[in-house]
Amino acid sequence: MAPEREDCDSRWPQRLYRDGTEPDPRFTLANERTFLAWIRTALALMAAGVGVEALNAVSVQPNPLRTALAVLLLLSGVLCSATAFTRWMITERALRCGRPLPAPRLAPVLGYGLGAIGIATCVLLFVTGL
């Protein structure tokens, strides 16, 4: 059963719900779970950044490289969080309009970015005894 037009107009963002038709609720809910997974990832990255900086703050001699690592982790979390909603909306619009789903742009950036941060962390561990 299709929702009443007034129900669609009360949802946010309204510009999304004006397009297409209601998809199968399972797909919409799967899209929402994916969004929440990206948000959990963002929170984990930000928590890691705060943790690294907290350890840096209590050390005898704070290291600017540790601060840089903390900032990179925090910025990765911010990037992940900022793009999660946009990804949800683009995917939801594709579902509503019967178009192919968009390619994942955040996943490779986050994957390669975290790989680079991991390598930098290993180098810091071996070189400076982080």
N, C-alpha and C. Protein backbone atom coordinates (compact mmCIF):
# COMPACT_ATOMS: atom_id res chain seq x y z
N MET A 1 0.84 -1.17 0.00
CA MET A 1 0.00 0.00 0.00
C MET A 1 0.89 1.24 0.00
N ALA A 2 0.68 2.13 -0.93
CA ALA A 2 1.49 3.34 -1.05
C ALA A 2 1.08 4.34 0.03
N PRO A 3 2.05 5.06 0.61
CA PRO A 3 1.72 6.03 1.63
C PRO A 3 0.95 7.21 1.05
N GLU A 4 0.19 7.85 1.89
CA GLU A 4 -0.52 9.06 1.48
C GLU A 4 0.48 10.13 1.10
N ARG A 5 0.09 11.01 0.21
CA ARG A 5 0.97 12.08 -0.24
C ARG A 5 1.41 12.96 0.93
N GLU A 6 0.51 13.21 1.88
CA GLU A 6 0.88 14.06 3.00
C GLU A 6 1.93 13.40 3.88
N ASP A 7 1.96 12.05 3.94
CA ASP A 7 3.00 11.36 4.68
C ASP A 7 4.36 11.61 4.04
N CYS A 8 4.41 11.58 2.72
CA CYS A 8 5.66 11.83 2.00
C CYS A 8 6.14 13.25 2.22
N ASP A 9 5.21 14.19 2.28
CA ASP A 9 5.59 15.59 2.44
C ASP A 9 6.11 15.90 3.84
N SER A 10 5.81 15.05 4.82
CA SER A 10 6.26 15.31 6.19
C SER A 10 7.64 14.71 6.46
N ARG A 11 8.17 13.92 5.55
CA ARG A 11 9.49 13.31 5.75
C ARG A 11 10.59 14.24 5.28
N TRP A 12 11.75 14.10 5.89
CA TRP A 12 12.89 14.93 5.53
C TRP A 12 13.99 14.05 4.98
N PRO A 13 14.71 14.42 3.98
CA PRO A 13 14.61 15.63 3.19
C PRO A 13 13.50 15.52 2.14
N GLN A 14 12.66 16.51 2.10
CA GLN A 14 11.49 16.45 1.23
C GLN A 14 11.85 16.30 -0.24
N ARG A 15 12.95 16.91 -0.66
CA ARG A 15 13.33 16.82 -2.08
C ARG A 15 13.60 15.38 -2.51
N LEU A 16 14.01 14.53 -1.58
CA LEU A 16 14.24 13.12 -1.88
C LEU A 16 12.93 12.39 -2.10
N TYR A 17 11.97 12.62 -1.26
CA TYR A 17 10.72 11.86 -1.29
C TYR A 17 9.75 12.33 -2.37
N ARG A 18 10.07 13.43 -3.05
CA ARG A 18 9.23 13.86 -4.18
C ARG A 18 9.52 13.04 -5.43
N ASP A 19 10.69 12.42 -5.50
CA ASP A 19 11.11 11.66 -6.69
C ASP A 19 10.70 10.20 -6.58
N GLY A 20 10.30 9.62 -7.70
CA GLY A 20 10.09 8.19 -7.80
C GLY A 20 8.95 7.66 -6.94
N THR A 21 9.05 6.35 -6.68
CA THR A 21 8.03 5.67 -5.89
C THR A 21 8.70 4.97 -4.71
N GLU A 22 7.87 4.57 -3.74
CA GLU A 22 8.39 3.90 -2.56
C GLU A 22 9.02 2.56 -2.95
N PRO A 23 10.29 2.34 -2.60
CA PRO A 23 10.92 1.04 -2.87
C PRO A 23 10.46 0.02 -1.83
N ASP A 24 10.85 -1.20 -2.04
CA ASP A 24 10.60 -2.25 -1.06
C ASP A 24 11.24 -1.81 0.27
N PRO A 25 10.48 -1.86 1.37
CA PRO A 25 11.03 -1.40 2.66
C PRO A 25 12.32 -2.11 3.07
N ARG A 26 12.51 -3.34 2.64
CA ARG A 26 13.74 -4.06 2.99
C ARG A 26 14.97 -3.35 2.43
N PHE A 27 14.84 -2.80 1.22
CA PHE A 27 15.98 -2.10 0.61
C PHE A 27 16.25 -0.77 1.32
N THR A 28 15.18 -0.08 1.67
CA THR A 28 15.34 1.18 2.40
C THR A 28 15.98 0.93 3.76
N LEU A 29 15.54 -0.11 4.45
CA LEU A 29 16.11 -0.42 5.76
C LEU A 29 17.56 -0.90 5.64
N ALA A 30 17.89 -1.63 4.60
CA ALA A 30 19.28 -2.05 4.37
C ALA A 30 20.16 -0.82 4.12
N ASN A 31 19.63 0.14 3.37
CA ASN A 31 20.36 1.38 3.12
C ASN A 31 20.59 2.13 4.43
N GLU A 32 19.59 2.14 5.29
CA GLU A 32 19.73 2.80 6.60
C GLU A 32 20.76 2.09 7.47
N ARG A 33 20.78 0.76 7.45
CA ARG A 33 21.78 0.02 8.22
C ARG A 33 23.20 0.31 7.72
N THR A 34 23.34 0.45 6.41
CA THR A 34 24.65 0.80 5.85
C THR A 34 25.07 2.19 6.32
N PHE A 35 24.14 3.13 6.31
CA PHE A 35 24.42 4.48 6.81
C PHE A 35 24.90 4.41 8.27
N LEU A 36 24.19 3.64 9.08
CA LEU A 36 24.57 3.53 10.49
C LEU A 36 25.94 2.87 10.66
N ALA A 37 26.27 1.93 9.78
CA ALA A 37 27.60 1.31 9.83
C ALA A 37 28.69 2.34 9.54
N TRP A 38 28.46 3.22 8.58
CA TRP A 38 29.42 4.28 8.28
C TRP A 38 29.55 5.22 9.47
N ILE A 39 28.44 5.51 10.14
CA ILE A 39 28.49 6.38 11.32
C ILE A 39 29.27 5.71 12.45
N ARG A 40 29.08 4.41 12.65
CA ARG A 40 29.86 3.69 13.66
C ARG A 40 31.35 3.72 13.32
N THR A 41 31.66 3.57 12.05
CA THR A 41 33.06 3.65 11.63
C THR A 41 33.63 5.03 11.92
N ALA A 42 32.85 6.07 11.63
CA ALA A 42 33.29 7.44 11.91
C ALA A 42 33.54 7.64 13.40
N LEU A 43 32.64 7.14 14.23
CA LEU A 43 32.82 7.27 15.68
C LEU A 43 34.08 6.53 16.15
N ALA A 44 34.32 5.35 15.60
CA ALA A 44 35.51 4.59 15.98
C ALA A 44 36.79 5.33 15.58
N LEU A 45 36.80 5.92 14.40
CA LEU A 45 37.97 6.67 13.96
C LEU A 45 38.22 7.88 14.86
N MET A 46 37.15 8.59 15.20
CA MET A 46 37.30 9.76 16.06
C MET A 46 37.74 9.34 17.46
N ALA A 47 37.21 8.25 17.97
CA ALA A 47 37.63 7.76 19.28
C ALA A 47 39.10 7.36 19.26
N ALA A 48 39.55 6.74 18.18
CA ALA A 48 40.97 6.38 18.06
C ALA A 48 41.84 7.63 18.06
N GLY A 49 41.41 8.67 17.35
CA GLY A 49 42.16 9.92 17.33
C GLY A 49 42.25 10.56 18.71
N VAL A 50 41.13 10.57 19.42
CA VAL A 50 41.13 11.11 20.79
C VAL A 50 42.03 10.26 21.69
N GLY A 51 41.97 8.94 21.52
CA GLY A 51 42.81 8.05 22.33
C GLY A 51 44.29 8.27 22.10
N VAL A 52 44.68 8.41 20.85
CA VAL A 52 46.10 8.64 20.54
C VAL A 52 46.56 9.96 21.16
N GLU A 53 45.73 10.99 21.03
CA GLU A 53 46.13 12.28 21.59
C GLU A 53 46.12 12.26 23.12
N ALA A 54 45.21 11.50 23.73
CA ALA A 54 45.19 11.38 25.19
C ALA A 54 46.47 10.72 25.68
N LEU A 55 46.92 9.68 24.99
CA LEU A 55 48.19 9.04 25.36
C LEU A 55 49.36 9.99 25.16
N ASN A 56 49.28 10.79 24.12
CA ASN A 56 50.33 11.76 23.84
C ASN A 56 50.37 12.82 24.95
N ALA A 57 49.20 13.24 25.42
CA ALA A 57 49.13 14.30 26.43
C ALA A 57 49.71 13.86 27.77
N VAL A 58 49.57 12.59 28.11
CA VAL A 58 50.06 12.13 29.42
C VAL A 58 51.50 11.62 29.37
N SER A 59 52.09 11.58 28.18
CA SER A 59 53.47 11.10 28.09
C SER A 59 54.43 12.16 28.62
N VAL A 60 55.61 11.71 28.98
CA VAL A 60 56.61 12.62 29.54
C VAL A 60 57.00 13.69 28.53
N GLN A 61 57.17 13.25 27.28
CA GLN A 61 57.55 14.20 26.24
C GLN A 61 56.57 14.03 25.07
N PRO A 62 55.54 14.91 24.99
CA PRO A 62 54.58 14.82 23.89
C PRO A 62 55.28 14.90 22.52
N ASN A 63 54.79 14.13 21.59
CA ASN A 63 55.39 14.04 20.26
C ASN A 63 54.45 14.64 19.24
N PRO A 64 54.91 15.60 18.43
CA PRO A 64 54.05 16.20 17.41
C PRO A 64 53.60 15.20 16.33
N LEU A 65 54.37 14.14 16.15
CA LEU A 65 53.98 13.12 15.18
C LEU A 65 52.74 12.37 15.66
N ARG A 66 52.66 12.15 16.97
CA ARG A 66 51.46 11.52 17.53
C ARG A 66 50.25 12.43 17.37
N THR A 67 50.47 13.71 17.57
CA THR A 67 49.37 14.67 17.37
C THR A 67 48.92 14.64 15.91
N ALA A 68 49.86 14.57 14.99
CA ALA A 68 49.51 14.49 13.56
C ALA A 68 48.71 13.23 13.27
N LEU A 69 49.10 12.12 13.87
CA LEU A 69 48.36 10.87 13.70
C LEU A 69 46.94 11.01 14.26
N ALA A 70 46.82 11.63 15.43
CA ALA A 70 45.49 11.84 16.02
C ALA A 70 44.63 12.71 15.12
N VAL A 71 45.21 13.75 14.56
CA VAL A 71 44.46 14.64 13.67
C VAL A 71 44.02 13.88 12.41
N LEU A 72 44.90 13.05 11.86
CA LEU A 72 44.53 12.26 10.68
C LEU A 72 43.36 11.33 10.97
N LEU A 73 43.39 10.69 12.13
CA LEU A 73 42.29 9.81 12.51
C LEU A 73 40.99 10.60 12.71
N LEU A 74 41.10 11.72 13.38
CA LEU A 74 39.91 12.56 13.58
C LEU A 74 39.35 13.05 12.25
N LEU A 75 40.21 13.51 11.37
CA LEU A 75 39.74 13.98 10.06
C LEU A 75 39.13 12.85 9.23
N SER A 76 39.68 11.65 9.35
CA SER A 76 39.09 10.50 8.66
C SER A 76 37.69 10.24 9.17
N GLY A 77 37.50 10.35 10.47
CA GLY A 77 36.18 10.18 11.06
C GLY A 77 35.21 11.25 10.60
N VAL A 78 35.68 12.47 10.54
CA VAL A 78 34.84 13.57 10.07
C VAL A 78 34.45 13.35 8.61
N LEU A 79 35.40 12.96 7.77
CA LEU A 79 35.12 12.70 6.37
C LEU A 79 34.08 11.59 6.22
N CYS A 80 34.27 10.52 6.96
CA CYS A 80 33.35 9.39 6.92
C CYS A 80 31.95 9.82 7.35
N SER A 81 31.88 10.56 8.42
CA SER A 81 30.59 11.03 8.93
C SER A 81 29.91 11.98 7.94
N ALA A 82 30.69 12.89 7.39
CA ALA A 82 30.12 13.89 6.48
C ALA A 82 29.60 13.28 5.19
N THR A 83 30.22 12.23 4.72
CA THR A 83 29.79 11.65 3.45
C THR A 83 28.76 10.53 3.63
N ALA A 84 28.58 10.05 4.85
CA ALA A 84 27.62 8.95 5.08
C ALA A 84 26.20 9.34 4.71
N PHE A 85 25.77 10.53 5.11
CA PHE A 85 24.40 10.94 4.81
C PHE A 85 24.22 11.16 3.31
N THR A 86 25.21 11.78 2.67
CA THR A 86 25.12 12.00 1.22
C THR A 86 25.01 10.67 0.50
N ARG A 87 25.80 9.70 0.92
CA ARG A 87 25.74 8.36 0.32
C ARG A 87 24.36 7.73 0.53
N TRP A 88 23.81 7.87 1.74
CA TRP A 88 22.47 7.33 2.01
C TRP A 88 21.45 7.96 1.07
N MET A 89 21.51 9.29 0.92
CA MET A 89 20.52 9.98 0.11
C MET A 89 20.64 9.61 -1.37
N ILE A 90 21.83 9.53 -1.89
CA ILE A 90 22.02 9.16 -3.30
C ILE A 90 21.52 7.74 -3.55
N THR A 91 21.82 6.83 -2.62
CA THR A 91 21.37 5.45 -2.76
C THR A 91 19.86 5.36 -2.66
N GLU A 92 19.27 6.09 -1.73
CA GLU A 92 17.81 6.07 -1.57
C GLU A 92 17.12 6.62 -2.82
N ARG A 93 17.68 7.66 -3.40
CA ARG A 93 17.10 8.22 -4.64
C ARG A 93 17.20 7.20 -5.77
N ALA A 94 18.31 6.50 -5.86
CA ALA A 94 18.45 5.47 -6.90
C ALA A 94 17.41 4.37 -6.69
N LEU A 95 17.20 3.96 -5.44
CA LEU A 95 16.19 2.94 -5.16
C LEU A 95 14.79 3.43 -5.55
N ARG A 96 14.50 4.66 -5.24
CA ARG A 96 13.17 5.22 -5.52
C ARG A 96 12.92 5.39 -7.02
N CYS A 97 13.97 5.66 -7.77
CA CYS A 97 13.81 5.94 -9.20
C CYS A 97 14.14 4.74 -10.08
N GLY A 98 14.50 3.61 -9.47
CA GLY A 98 14.80 2.41 -10.25
C GLY A 98 16.09 2.50 -11.04
N ARG A 99 17.01 3.32 -10.58
CA ARG A 99 18.31 3.46 -11.25
C ARG A 99 19.34 2.55 -10.58
N PRO A 100 20.45 2.29 -11.28
CA PRO A 100 21.51 1.48 -10.65
C PRO A 100 22.07 2.20 -9.42
N LEU A 101 22.52 1.42 -8.48
CA LEU A 101 23.11 2.00 -7.28
C LEU A 101 24.44 2.66 -7.62
N PRO A 102 24.78 3.75 -6.92
CA PRO A 102 26.03 4.45 -7.22
C PRO A 102 27.24 3.64 -6.76
N ALA A 103 28.36 3.91 -7.41
CA ALA A 103 29.61 3.26 -7.01
C ALA A 103 30.04 3.80 -5.66
N PRO A 104 30.64 2.95 -4.82
CA PRO A 104 31.08 3.43 -3.50
C PRO A 104 32.34 4.28 -3.62
N ARG A 105 32.20 5.58 -3.42
CA ARG A 105 33.35 6.48 -3.52
C ARG A 105 34.10 6.59 -2.20
N LEU A 106 33.39 6.48 -1.08
CA LEU A 106 34.03 6.64 0.22
C LEU A 106 34.87 5.42 0.59
N ALA A 107 34.42 4.24 0.23
CA ALA A 107 35.10 3.01 0.65
C ALA A 107 36.57 2.96 0.20
N PRO A 108 36.89 3.21 -1.06
CA PRO A 108 38.32 3.15 -1.43
C PRO A 108 39.15 4.26 -0.77
N VAL A 109 38.57 5.45 -0.64
CA VAL A 109 39.30 6.55 0.00
C VAL A 109 39.61 6.19 1.44
N LEU A 110 38.59 5.69 2.14
CA LEU A 110 38.78 5.31 3.53
C LEU A 110 39.72 4.12 3.66
N GLY A 111 39.56 3.13 2.80
CA GLY A 111 40.42 1.95 2.85
C GLY A 111 41.88 2.28 2.61
N TYR A 112 42.16 3.01 1.54
CA TYR A 112 43.55 3.36 1.25
C TYR A 112 44.08 4.37 2.26
N GLY A 113 43.23 5.30 2.68
CA GLY A 113 43.65 6.30 3.66
C GLY A 113 44.04 5.66 4.99
N LEU A 114 43.20 4.72 5.46
CA LEU A 114 43.52 4.05 6.71
C LEU A 114 44.73 3.13 6.56
N GLY A 115 44.89 2.56 5.37
CA GLY A 115 46.10 1.77 5.12
C GLY A 115 47.34 2.64 5.24
N ALA A 116 47.29 3.83 4.67
CA ALA A 116 48.42 4.76 4.76
C ALA A 116 48.67 5.19 6.20
N ILE A 117 47.58 5.46 6.94
CA ILE A 117 47.73 5.83 8.35
C ILE A 117 48.33 4.67 9.13
N GLY A 118 47.92 3.43 8.82
CA GLY A 118 48.48 2.26 9.50
C GLY A 118 49.96 2.11 9.24
N ILE A 119 50.37 2.31 8.00
CA ILE A 119 51.79 2.22 7.66
C ILE A 119 52.57 3.32 8.38
N ALA A 120 52.01 4.54 8.38
CA ALA A 120 52.67 5.65 9.08
C ALA A 120 52.79 5.34 10.58
N THR A 121 51.78 4.73 11.14
CA THR A 121 51.83 4.37 12.57
C THR A 121 52.92 3.34 12.83
N CYS A 122 53.03 2.34 11.96
CA CYS A 122 54.10 1.34 12.11
C CYS A 122 55.47 1.99 12.02
N VAL A 123 55.64 2.88 11.08
CA VAL A 123 56.92 3.60 10.95
C VAL A 123 57.21 4.38 12.22
N LEU A 124 56.19 5.08 12.74
CA LEU A 124 56.37 5.84 13.99
C LEU A 124 56.75 4.93 15.15
N LEU A 125 56.13 3.76 15.21
CA LEU A 125 56.43 2.81 16.28
C LEU A 125 57.90 2.38 16.23
N PHE A 126 58.39 2.09 15.04
CA PHE A 126 59.75 1.59 14.91
C PHE A 126 60.78 2.71 15.01
N VAL A 127 60.47 3.88 14.49
CA VAL A 127 61.44 4.95 14.44
C VAL A 127 61.51 5.73 15.76
N THR A 128 60.35 6.08 16.30
CA THR A 128 60.33 6.94 17.48
C THR A 128 59.93 6.22 18.75
N GLY A 129 59.52 4.97 18.66
CA GLY A 129 59.05 4.27 19.84
C GLY A 129 57.74 4.82 20.35
N LEU A 130 56.92 5.28 19.45
CA LEU A 130 55.61 5.90 19.76
C LEU A 130 55.03 5.32 21.02
